[in-house]
């Protein structure tokens, strides 16, 4: 295996040779010289009006194929699911069947969703709060996190998927299950994948998540200053990459609009003012970016 080259800086060591691309919401694909890993396989993006009218949704294989081709994805070795809402898991079965050697990781709800798509049980591993796992040359630590509320303190599709769930299905059947933050070290560098905007109520010492690179959701963060104070300044990343700021209610495109209520420019400006030591990288749909850029 070609070794990943590292440049030792005055204040940090960041691994070169690792790239990422973004396919909307929290669908991030990481690629080292040897392996490819995907977080939150959601590419289809069904129209929100379909969900609102209680019509069933499904993974669209042609849409998934189109975007994987645009991103030049030849293989995916690992698929990691943060939680089982439709906008994080809908295309899990399509992707794991397309790459039949891939291994999935996530909550019991996520596994039940995988089983419903006829993914063999031994290809999807269940994770739990504050556990450590080894994936080939990658060390992975998990931390349970609460999902942000949607309206008036209420979280839609709360609860768990209790049995294998087949598609097509109602969006309301894709319940969140447990949600997780993932910390990776090894082949993909030192990375924390924090899908939510707010701090986990189940984990007190965020300094234990100290990392070089932080992918962080910026929806439902309360305020940018609060997110910086409670999460980013504790993790102390050198690179911060915002996710889950795009409008995923409609078809994925190369230049997605922001989710209603999300002000990406304010987030960037506040980061520059309150946490200027970090390099901020704004992801681009289906375009590869090297870490560090």
C-alpha atoms as a PDB file:
ATOM      1  CA  UNK A   1       0.000   0.000   0.000  1.00  0.00           C
ATOM      2  CA  UNK A   2       1.252   3.423  -0.884  1.00  0.00           C
ATOM      3  CA  UNK A   3       1.915   5.259   2.362  1.00  0.00           C
ATOM      4  CA  UNK A   4       0.064   8.448   3.130  1.00  0.00           C
ATOM      5  CA  UNK A   5       2.529  11.317   3.238  1.00  0.00           C
ATOM      6  CA  UNK A   6       2.404  13.638   6.228  1.00  0.00           C
ATOM      7  CA  UNK A   7       3.690  17.194   6.528  1.00  0.00           C
ATOM      8  CA  UNK A   8       4.734  18.206  10.021  1.00  0.00           C
ATOM      9  CA  UNK A   9       3.774  21.819  10.619  1.00  0.00           C
ATOM     10  CA  UNK A  10       4.822  24.029  13.511  1.00  0.00           C
ATOM     11  CA  UNK A  11       1.530  23.479  15.281  1.00  0.00           C
ATOM     12  CA  UNK A  12       0.124  20.232  13.901  1.00  0.00           C
ATOM     13  CA  UNK A  13       0.604  17.202  11.723  1.00  0.00           C
ATOM     14  CA  UNK A  14      -2.030  16.775   9.056  1.00  0.00           C
ATOM     15  CA  UNK A  15      -2.078  13.791   6.727  1.00  0.00           C
ATOM     16  CA  UNK A  16      -1.906  14.374   2.994  1.00  0.00           C
ATOM     17  CA  UNK A  17      -3.257  11.779   0.606  1.00  0.00           C
ATOM     18  CA  UNK A  18      -6.797  11.856   2.050  1.00  0.00           C
ATOM     19  CA  UNK A  19      -9.517  13.440  -0.072  1.00  0.00           C
ATOM     20  CA  UNK A  20     -13.219  14.010   0.446  1.00  0.00           C
ATOM     21  CA  UNK A  21     -16.236  14.849  -1.636  1.00  0.00           C
ATOM     22  CA  UNK A  22     -19.754  15.879  -0.674  1.00  0.00           C
ATOM     23  CA  UNK A  23     -23.081  14.693  -2.088  1.00  0.00           C
ATOM     24  CA  UNK A  24     -25.357  16.963  -0.074  1.00  0.00           C
ATOM     25  CA  UNK A  25     -26.591  16.974   3.557  1.00  0.00           C
ATOM     26  CA  UNK A  26     -24.139  14.768   5.516  1.00  0.00           C
ATOM     27  CA  UNK A  27     -23.203  12.459   2.633  1.00  0.00           C
ATOM     28  CA  UNK A  28     -19.418  12.689   2.770  1.00  0.00           C
ATOM     29  CA  UNK A  29     -17.065  10.280   1.001  1.00  0.00           C
ATOM     30  CA  UNK A  30     -13.470   9.965   2.207  1.00  0.00           C
ATOM     31  CA  UNK A  31     -10.764   8.424   0.047  1.00  0.00           C
ATOM     32  CA  UNK A  32      -7.248   7.421   1.050  1.00  0.00           C
ATOM     33  CA  UNK A  33      -4.709   5.761  -1.238  1.00  0.00           C
ATOM     34  CA  UNK A  34      -6.167   2.389  -0.350  1.00  0.00           C
ATOM     35  CA  UNK A  35      -9.781   2.630   0.866  1.00  0.00           C
ATOM     36  CA  UNK A  36     -13.008   4.615   0.466  1.00  0.00           C
ATOM     37  CA  UNK A  37     -15.486   5.370   3.249  1.00  0.00           C
ATOM     38  CA  UNK A  38     -18.927   6.961   3.013  1.00  0.00           C
ATOM     39  CA  UNK A  39     -20.911   8.673   5.738  1.00  0.00           C
ATOM     40  CA  UNK A  40     -24.711   8.849   5.516  1.00  0.00           C
ATOM     41  CA  UNK A  41     -25.713   7.423   2.130  1.00  0.00           C
ATOM     42  CA  UNK A  42     -28.408   9.870   1.022  1.00  0.00           C
ATOM     43  CA  UNK A  43     -28.296  10.938  -2.632  1.00  0.00           C
ATOM     44  CA  UNK A  44     -31.798  10.439  -4.053  1.00  0.00           C
ATOM     45  CA  UNK A  45     -33.358  13.521  -2.378  1.00  0.00           C
ATOM     46  CA  UNK A  46     -37.081  12.868  -2.926  1.00  0.00           C
ATOM     47  CA  UNK A  47     -39.254  15.955  -3.216  1.00  0.00           C
ATOM     48  CA  UNK A  48     -40.477  17.002   0.234  1.00  0.00           C
ATOM     49  CA  UNK A  49     -44.019  17.327  -1.145  1.00  0.00           C
ATOM     50  CA  UNK A  50     -44.055  13.544  -1.672  1.00  0.00           C
ATOM     51  CA  UNK A  51     -43.236  13.036   1.992  1.00  0.00           C
ATOM     52  CA  UNK A  52     -45.727  15.687   3.084  1.00  0.00           C
ATOM     53  CA  UNK A  53     -48.505  13.937   1.173  1.00  0.00           C
ATOM     54  CA  UNK A  54     -47.660  10.660   2.902  1.00  0.00           C
ATOM     55  CA  UNK A  55     -46.607   8.996  -0.340  1.00  0.00           C
ATOM     56  CA  UNK A  56     -43.936   6.328  -0.123  1.00  0.00           C
ATOM     57  CA  UNK A  57     -40.335   7.151  -0.959  1.00  0.00           C
ATOM     58  CA  UNK A  58     -37.650   4.929  -2.445  1.00  0.00           C
ATOM     59  CA  UNK A  59     -33.989   4.962  -3.361  1.00  0.00           C
ATOM     60  CA  UNK A  60     -33.576   5.903  -7.033  1.00  0.00           C
ATOM     61  CA  UNK A  61     -30.797   3.710  -8.460  1.00  0.00           C
ATOM     62  CA  UNK A  62     -30.384   5.900 -11.546  1.00  0.00           C
ATOM     63  CA  UNK A  63     -29.877   9.035  -9.435  1.00  0.00           C
ATOM     64  CA  UNK A  64     -27.376   7.258  -7.179  1.00  0.00           C
ATOM     65  CA  UNK A  65     -25.487   5.924 -10.224  1.00  0.00           C
ATOM     66  CA  UNK A  66     -25.403   9.395 -11.810  1.00  0.00           C
ATOM     67  CA  UNK A  67     -23.850  11.115  -8.808  1.00  0.00           C
ATOM     68  CA  UNK A  68     -21.395   8.335  -8.000  1.00  0.00           C
ATOM     69  CA  UNK A  69     -20.239   8.524 -11.620  1.00  0.00           C
ATOM     70  CA  UNK A  70     -19.905  12.316 -11.459  1.00  0.00           C
ATOM     71  CA  UNK A  71     -17.786  11.896  -8.319  1.00  0.00           C
ATOM     72  CA  UNK A  72     -15.725   9.142 -10.011  1.00  0.00           C
ATOM     73  CA  UNK A  73     -16.467   6.630  -7.245  1.00  0.00           C
ATOM     74  CA  UNK A  74     -15.061   3.233  -8.211  1.00  0.00           C
ATOM     75  CA  UNK A  75     -15.511   1.464  -4.887  1.00  0.00           C
ATOM     76  CA  UNK A  76     -16.795   2.018  -1.360  1.00  0.00           C
ATOM     77  CA  UNK A  77     -15.356  -0.149   1.402  1.00  0.00           C
ATOM     78  CA  UNK A  78     -17.208   1.177   4.456  1.00  0.00           C
ATOM     79  CA  UNK A  79     -20.590   2.855   4.928  1.00  0.00           C
ATOM     80  CA  UNK A  80     -21.140   4.611   8.260  1.00  0.00           C
ATOM     81  CA  UNK A  81     -24.623   5.810   9.242  1.00  0.00           C
ATOM     82  CA  UNK A  82     -25.103   8.507  11.878  1.00  0.00           C
ATOM     83  CA  UNK A  83     -28.843   7.808  12.294  1.00  0.00           C
ATOM     84  CA  UNK A  84     -31.739   6.354  10.351  1.00  0.00           C
ATOM     85  CA  UNK A  85     -33.817   9.347   9.274  1.00  0.00           C
ATOM     86  CA  UNK A  86     -34.425   9.179   5.532  1.00  0.00           C
ATOM     87  CA  UNK A  87     -32.071  12.081   4.767  1.00  0.00           C
ATOM     88  CA  UNK A  88     -29.153  10.077   6.163  1.00  0.00           C
ATOM     89  CA  UNK A  89     -29.873   6.480   5.142  1.00  0.00           C
ATOM     90  CA  UNK A  90     -32.270   6.252   2.176  1.00  0.00           C
ATOM     91  CA  UNK A  91     -29.682   4.968  -0.332  1.00  0.00           C
ATOM     92  CA  UNK A  92     -27.908   2.535   2.005  1.00  0.00           C
ATOM     93  CA  UNK A  93     -29.228  -0.597   0.286  1.00  0.00           C
ATOM     94  CA  UNK A  94     -28.537   0.701  -3.228  1.00  0.00           C
ATOM     95  CA  UNK A  95     -24.948   1.585  -2.359  1.00  0.00           C
ATOM     96  CA  UNK A  96     -24.134  -1.571  -0.390  1.00  0.00           C
ATOM     97  CA  UNK A  97     -25.502  -3.705  -3.234  1.00  0.00           C
ATOM     98  CA  UNK A  98     -23.548  -1.696  -5.800  1.00  0.00           C
ATOM     99  CA  UNK A  99     -20.382  -2.357  -3.778  1.00  0.00           C
ATOM    100  CA  UNK A 100     -20.985  -5.899  -2.495  1.00  0.00           C
ATOM    101  CA  UNK A 101     -17.836  -6.049  -0.364  1.00  0.00           C
ATOM    102  CA  UNK A 102     -18.750  -2.926   1.598  1.00  0.00           C
ATOM    103  CA  UNK A 103     -19.371  -3.150   5.352  1.00  0.00           C
ATOM    104  CA  UNK A 104     -21.884  -0.918   7.137  1.00  0.00           C
ATOM    105  CA  UNK A 105     -21.917   0.498  10.673  1.00  0.00           C
ATOM    106  CA  UNK A 106     -24.696   2.137  12.660  1.00  0.00           C
ATOM    107  CA  UNK A 107     -27.445   1.745  15.236  1.00  0.00           C
ATOM    108  CA  UNK A 108     -29.861  -1.204  15.578  1.00  0.00           C
ATOM    109  CA  UNK A 109     -32.401   0.897  13.659  1.00  0.00           C
ATOM    110  CA  UNK A 110     -29.918   1.381  10.837  1.00  0.00           C
ATOM    111  CA  UNK A 111     -29.257  -2.356  10.776  1.00  0.00           C
ATOM    112  CA  UNK A 112     -32.986  -3.074  10.564  1.00  0.00           C
ATOM    113  CA  UNK A 113     -33.160  -0.730   7.603  1.00  0.00           C
ATOM    114  CA  UNK A 114     -30.221  -2.563   5.987  1.00  0.00           C
ATOM    115  CA  UNK A 115     -31.881  -5.937   6.591  1.00  0.00           C
ATOM    116  CA  UNK A 116     -35.034  -4.627   4.932  1.00  0.00           C
ATOM    117  CA  UNK A 117     -32.953  -3.946   1.800  1.00  0.00           C
ATOM    118  CA  UNK A 118     -31.698  -7.560   1.861  1.00  0.00           C
ATOM    119  CA  UNK A 119     -28.221  -6.660   3.058  1.00  0.00           C
ATOM    120  CA  UNK A 120     -26.827  -9.761   4.838  1.00  0.00           C
ATOM    121  CA  UNK A 121     -26.640  -9.392   8.609  1.00  0.00           C
ATOM    122  CA  UNK A 122     -22.878  -9.976   8.722  1.00  0.00           C
ATOM    123  CA  UNK A 123     -22.293  -6.982   6.438  1.00  0.00           C
ATOM    124  CA  UNK A 124     -23.782  -4.464   8.873  1.00  0.00           C
ATOM    125  CA  UNK A 125     -22.240  -3.969  12.318  1.00  0.00           C
ATOM    126  CA  UNK A 126     -24.089  -2.399  15.244  1.00  0.00           C
ATOM    127  CA  UNK A 127     -22.300   0.339  17.201  1.00  0.00           C
ATOM    128  CA  UNK A 128     -23.000   1.637  20.701  1.00  0.00           C
ATOM    129  CA  UNK A 129     -22.259   4.707  22.834  1.00  0.00           C
ATOM    130  CA  UNK A 130     -18.637   5.335  23.856  1.00  0.00           C
ATOM    131  CA  UNK A 131     -17.230   2.211  22.262  1.00  0.00           C
ATOM    132  CA  UNK A 132     -14.104   1.749  20.171  1.00  0.00           C
ATOM    133  CA  UNK A 133     -13.889  -0.326  17.008  1.00  0.00           C
ATOM    134  CA  UNK A 134     -11.145  -1.328  14.602  1.00  0.00           C
ATOM    135  CA  UNK A 135     -11.825  -1.252  10.865  1.00  0.00           C
ATOM    136  CA  UNK A 136      -8.729  -2.559   9.112  1.00  0.00           C
ATOM    137  CA  UNK A 137      -6.250   0.297   9.706  1.00  0.00           C
ATOM    138  CA  UNK A 138      -8.853   2.682  11.125  1.00  0.00           C
ATOM    139  CA  UNK A 139      -9.733   3.185  14.788  1.00  0.00           C
ATOM    140  CA  UNK A 140     -13.280   4.390  15.350  1.00  0.00           C
ATOM    141  CA  UNK A 141     -14.814   5.790  18.534  1.00  0.00           C
ATOM    142  CA  UNK A 142     -18.555   6.409  18.864  1.00  0.00           C
ATOM    143  CA  UNK A 143     -20.437   8.964  20.938  1.00  0.00           C
ATOM    144  CA  UNK A 144     -24.224   9.094  21.160  1.00  0.00           C
ATOM    145  CA  UNK A 145     -25.746  12.471  20.342  1.00  0.00           C
ATOM    146  CA  UNK A 146     -29.277  13.864  20.503  1.00  0.00           C
ATOM    147  CA  UNK A 147     -31.074  14.846  17.319  1.00  0.00           C
ATOM    148  CA  UNK A 148     -32.083  18.491  17.094  1.00  0.00           C
ATOM    149  CA  UNK A 149     -35.773  19.286  17.389  1.00  0.00           C
ATOM    150  CA  UNK A 150     -37.704  20.221  14.263  1.00  0.00           C
ATOM    151  CA  UNK A 151     -40.719  22.287  15.366  1.00  0.00           C
ATOM    152  CA  UNK A 152     -41.699  23.630  18.814  1.00  0.00           C
ATOM    153  CA  UNK A 153     -39.375  21.219  20.605  1.00  0.00           C
ATOM    154  CA  UNK A 154     -40.691  18.205  18.701  1.00  0.00           C
ATOM    155  CA  UNK A 155     -38.483  15.816  16.706  1.00  0.00           C
ATOM    156  CA  UNK A 156     -40.149  14.192  13.708  1.00  0.00           C
ATOM    157  CA  UNK A 157     -39.687  10.452  13.122  1.00  0.00           C
ATOM    158  CA  UNK A 158     -38.492   9.912  16.672  1.00  0.00           C
ATOM    159  CA  UNK A 159     -38.202   6.389  18.070  1.00  0.00           C
ATOM    160  CA  UNK A 160     -36.627   3.308  16.514  1.00  0.00           C
ATOM    161  CA  UNK A 161     -37.030   1.017  13.513  1.00  0.00           C
ATOM    162  CA  UNK A 162     -37.946  -2.146  15.379  1.00  0.00           C
ATOM    163  CA  UNK A 163     -37.905  -4.669  12.519  1.00  0.00           C
ATOM    164  CA  UNK A 164     -36.548  -4.926   8.962  1.00  0.00           C
ATOM    165  CA  UNK A 165     -38.014  -2.085   6.919  1.00  0.00           C
ATOM    166  CA  UNK A 166     -38.403  -2.483   3.174  1.00  0.00           C
ATOM    167  CA  UNK A 167     -38.585   0.272   0.580  1.00  0.00           C
ATOM    168  CA  UNK A 168     -40.668   1.908  -0.696  1.00  0.00           C
ATOM    169  CA  UNK A 169     -41.838   3.191   2.671  1.00  0.00           C
ATOM    170  CA  UNK A 170     -43.365   6.260   4.235  1.00  0.00           C
ATOM    171  CA  UNK A 171     -40.828   8.851   5.312  1.00  0.00           C
ATOM    172  CA  UNK A 172     -42.472   8.630   8.741  1.00  0.00           C
ATOM    173  CA  UNK A 173     -41.395   4.982   9.044  1.00  0.00           C
ATOM    174  CA  UNK A 174     -37.709   5.886   8.811  1.00  0.00           C
ATOM    175  CA  UNK A 175     -37.343   6.683  12.498  1.00  0.00           C
ATOM    176  CA  UNK A 176     -34.056   8.054  13.747  1.00  0.00           C
ATOM    177  CA  UNK A 177     -32.964   5.373  16.251  1.00  0.00           C
ATOM    178  CA  UNK A 178     -29.776   6.285  18.103  1.00  0.00           C
ATOM    179  CA  UNK A 179     -27.628   9.047  16.592  1.00  0.00           C
ATOM    180  CA  UNK A 180     -23.843   8.991  16.714  1.00  0.00           C
ATOM    181  CA  UNK A 181     -20.756  11.144  16.421  1.00  0.00           C
ATOM    182  CA  UNK A 182     -17.781   9.247  14.985  1.00  0.00           C
ATOM    183  CA  UNK A 183     -14.108   9.853  15.683  1.00  0.00           C
ATOM    184  CA  UNK A 184     -11.699   8.236  13.228  1.00  0.00           C
ATOM    185  CA  UNK A 185      -7.948   7.883  13.413  1.00  0.00           C
ATOM    186  CA  UNK A 186      -5.599   6.021  11.118  1.00  0.00           C
ATOM    187  CA  UNK A 187      -5.874   5.608   7.374  1.00  0.00           C
ATOM    188  CA  UNK A 188      -8.227   8.588   6.872  1.00  0.00           C
ATOM    189  CA  UNK A 189      -6.327  10.870   9.233  1.00  0.00           C
ATOM    190  CA  UNK A 190      -7.692  12.226  12.504  1.00  0.00           C
ATOM    191  CA  UNK A 191     -11.318  13.132  11.854  1.00  0.00           C
ATOM    192  CA  UNK A 192     -14.443  13.794  13.904  1.00  0.00           C
ATOM    193  CA  UNK A 193     -17.764  13.496  12.077  1.00  0.00           C
ATOM    194  CA  UNK A 194     -20.325  15.466  14.097  1.00  0.00           C
ATOM    195  CA  UNK A 195     -23.631  15.361  12.175  1.00  0.00           C
ATOM    196  CA  UNK A 196     -25.631  17.615  14.498  1.00  0.00           C
ATOM    197  CA  UNK A 197     -25.266  21.300  15.237  1.00  0.00           C
ATOM    198  CA  UNK A 198     -25.559  21.037  19.016  1.00  0.00           C
ATOM    199  CA  UNK A 199     -23.464  19.413  21.726  1.00  0.00           C
ATOM    200  CA  UNK A 200     -24.261  15.864  22.823  1.00  0.00           C
ATOM    201  CA  UNK A 201     -26.090  15.701  26.184  1.00  0.00           C
ATOM    202  CA  UNK A 202     -24.629  12.218  26.698  1.00  0.00           C
ATOM    203  CA  UNK A 203     -20.959  13.235  26.631  1.00  0.00           C
ATOM    204  CA  UNK A 204     -19.375  15.826  28.897  1.00  0.00           C
ATOM    205  CA  UNK A 205     -15.707  16.011  27.949  1.00  0.00           C
ATOM    206  CA  UNK A 206     -15.485  17.118  24.325  1.00  0.00           C
ATOM    207  CA  UNK A 207     -11.737  17.630  24.741  1.00  0.00           C
ATOM    208  CA  UNK A 208     -11.481  13.828  24.402  1.00  0.00           C
ATOM    209  CA  UNK A 209     -12.592  14.292  20.801  1.00  0.00           C
ATOM    210  CA  UNK A 210      -9.628  16.532  19.965  1.00  0.00           C
ATOM    211  CA  UNK A 211      -8.849  16.113  16.290  1.00  0.00           C
ATOM    212  CA  UNK A 212      -7.280  17.649  13.191  1.00  0.00           C
ATOM    213  CA  UNK A 213     -10.379  17.722  10.980  1.00  0.00           C
ATOM    214  CA  UNK A 214     -13.982  18.328  12.035  1.00  0.00           C
ATOM    215  CA  UNK A 215     -17.011  17.759   9.809  1.00  0.00           C
ATOM    216  CA  UNK A 216     -19.915  19.418  11.627  1.00  0.00           C
ATOM    217  CA  UNK A 217     -23.590  19.937  10.921  1.00  0.00           C
ATOM    218  CA  UNK A 218     -24.634  23.555  11.233  1.00  0.00           C
ATOM    219  CA  UNK A 219     -28.412  23.111  11.187  1.00  0.00           C
ATOM    220  CA  UNK A 220     -30.136  23.527  14.572  1.00  0.00           C
ATOM    221  CA  UNK A 221     -26.940  24.822  16.196  1.00  0.00           C
ATOM    222  CA  UNK A 222     -28.721  27.397  18.341  1.00  0.00           C
ATOM    223  CA  UNK A 223     -26.120  30.011  17.463  1.00  0.00           C
ATOM    224  CA  UNK A 224     -22.722  29.893  15.830  1.00  0.00           C
ATOM    225  CA  UNK A 225     -21.054  31.339  18.921  1.00  0.00           C
ATOM    226  CA  UNK A 226     -22.618  28.618  21.077  1.00  0.00           C
ATOM    227  CA  UNK A 227     -21.447  25.922  18.656  1.00  0.00           C
ATOM    228  CA  UNK A 228     -17.925  27.323  18.692  1.00  0.00           C
ATOM    229  CA  UNK A 229     -17.854  27.563  22.482  1.00  0.00           C
ATOM    230  CA  UNK A 230     -19.375  24.173  23.294  1.00  0.00           C
ATOM    231  CA  UNK A 231     -18.026  22.021  20.466  1.00  0.00           C
ATOM    232  CA  UNK A 232     -15.411  23.498  18.163  1.00  0.00           C
ATOM    233  CA  UNK A 233     -13.183  25.187  20.756  1.00  0.00           C
ATOM    234  CA  UNK A 234     -13.236  21.983  22.834  1.00  0.00           C
ATOM    235  CA  UNK A 235     -12.332  19.678  19.932  1.00  0.00           C
ATOM    236  CA  UNK A 236      -9.686  22.158  18.699  1.00  0.00           C
ATOM    237  CA  UNK A 237      -9.668  21.164  15.017  1.00  0.00           C
ATOM    238  CA  UNK A 238      -7.217  22.679  12.541  1.00  0.00           C
ATOM    239  CA  UNK A 239      -9.728  22.283   9.704  1.00  0.00           C
ATOM    240  CA  UNK A 240     -13.526  22.702   9.981  1.00  0.00           C
ATOM    241  CA  UNK A 241     -15.912  21.578   7.244  1.00  0.00           C
ATOM    242  CA  UNK A 242     -19.613  22.515   7.605  1.00  0.00           C
ATOM    243  CA  UNK A 243     -22.266  20.029   6.457  1.00  0.00           C
ATOM    244  CA  UNK A 244     -26.069  19.742   6.537  1.00  0.00           C
ATOM    245  CA  UNK A 245     -26.618  23.349   5.475  1.00  0.00           C
ATOM    246  CA  UNK A 246     -28.094  22.671   2.030  1.00  0.00           C
ATOM    247  CA  UNK A 247     -31.764  22.368   1.086  1.00  0.00           C
ATOM    248  CA  UNK A 248     -32.127  18.593   0.842  1.00  0.00           C
ATOM    249  CA  UNK A 249     -35.905  18.754   0.334  1.00  0.00           C
ATOM    250  CA  UNK A 250     -35.500  18.862  -3.430  1.00  0.00           C
ATOM    251  CA  UNK A 251     -33.363  17.188  -6.096  1.00  0.00           C
ATOM    252  CA  UNK A 252     -29.597  17.276  -5.546  1.00  0.00           C
ATOM    253  CA  UNK A 253     -27.703  19.628  -7.854  1.00  0.00           C
ATOM    254  CA  UNK A 254     -24.182  20.983  -8.182  1.00  0.00           C
ATOM    255  CA  UNK A 255     -25.025  24.299  -6.522  1.00  0.00           C
ATOM    256  CA  UNK A 256     -27.660  23.592  -3.861  1.00  0.00           C
ATOM    257  CA  UNK A 257     -29.388  26.442  -2.080  1.00  0.00           C
ATOM    258  CA  UNK A 258     -29.119  26.743   1.681  1.00  0.00           C
ATOM    259  CA  UNK A 259     -31.660  25.072   3.929  1.00  0.00           C
ATOM    260  CA  UNK A 260     -34.300  27.626   4.999  1.00  0.00           C
ATOM    261  CA  UNK A 261     -33.070  29.356   8.151  1.00  0.00           C
ATOM    262  CA  UNK A 262     -29.392  28.556   7.510  1.00  0.00           C
ATOM    263  CA  UNK A 263     -27.070  31.534   7.012  1.00  0.00           C
ATOM    264  CA  UNK A 264     -23.791  30.038   5.831  1.00  0.00           C
ATOM    265  CA  UNK A 265     -22.174  33.453   5.401  1.00  0.00           C
ATOM    266  CA  UNK A 266     -22.910  34.350   9.034  1.00  0.00           C
ATOM    267  CA  UNK A 267     -21.437  31.020  10.165  1.00  0.00           C
ATOM    268  CA  UNK A 268     -18.264  31.640   8.138  1.00  0.00           C
ATOM    269  CA  UNK A 269     -17.901  35.211   9.411  1.00  0.00           C
ATOM    270  CA  UNK A 270     -18.395  34.192  13.049  1.00  0.00           C
ATOM    271  CA  UNK A 271     -15.889  31.349  12.672  1.00  0.00           C
ATOM    272  CA  UNK A 272     -13.356  33.811  11.273  1.00  0.00           C
ATOM    273  CA  UNK A 273     -13.918  36.153  14.201  1.00  0.00           C
ATOM    274  CA  UNK A 274     -14.259  33.691  17.089  1.00  0.00           C
ATOM    275  CA  UNK A 275     -12.095  30.759  15.968  1.00  0.00           C
ATOM    276  CA  UNK A 276      -9.598  32.238  13.488  1.00  0.00           C
ATOM    277  CA  UNK A 277      -6.967  29.515  13.941  1.00  0.00           C
ATOM    278  CA  UNK A 278      -9.063  26.986  11.964  1.00  0.00           C
ATOM    279  CA  UNK A 279      -9.064  26.691   8.206  1.00  0.00           C
ATOM    280  CA  UNK A 280     -12.674  26.528   6.990  1.00  0.00           C
ATOM    281  CA  UNK A 281     -13.357  24.432   3.880  1.00  0.00           C
ATOM    282  CA  UNK A 282     -16.773  24.702   2.249  1.00  0.00           C
ATOM    283  CA  UNK A 283     -17.567  21.383   0.523  1.00  0.00           C
ATOM    284  CA  UNK A 284     -18.487  21.238  -3.150  1.00  0.00           C
ATOM    285  CA  UNK A 285     -20.958  18.730  -4.563  1.00  0.00           C
ATOM    286  CA  UNK A 286     -19.157  15.822  -6.307  1.00  0.00           C
ATOM    287  CA  UNK A 287     -15.802  17.672  -6.380  1.00  0.00           C
ATOM    288  CA  UNK A 288     -12.803  16.178  -4.575  1.00  0.00           C
ATOM    289  CA  UNK A 289     -10.891  18.264  -2.048  1.00  0.00           C
ATOM    290  CA  UNK A 290      -7.592  17.188  -0.511  1.00  0.00           C
ATOM    291  CA  UNK A 291      -7.129  17.489   3.253  1.00  0.00           C
ATOM    292  CA  UNK A 292      -5.512  19.896   3.899  1.00  0.00           C
ATOM    293  CA  UNK A 293      -6.697  21.862   0.884  1.00  0.00           C
END
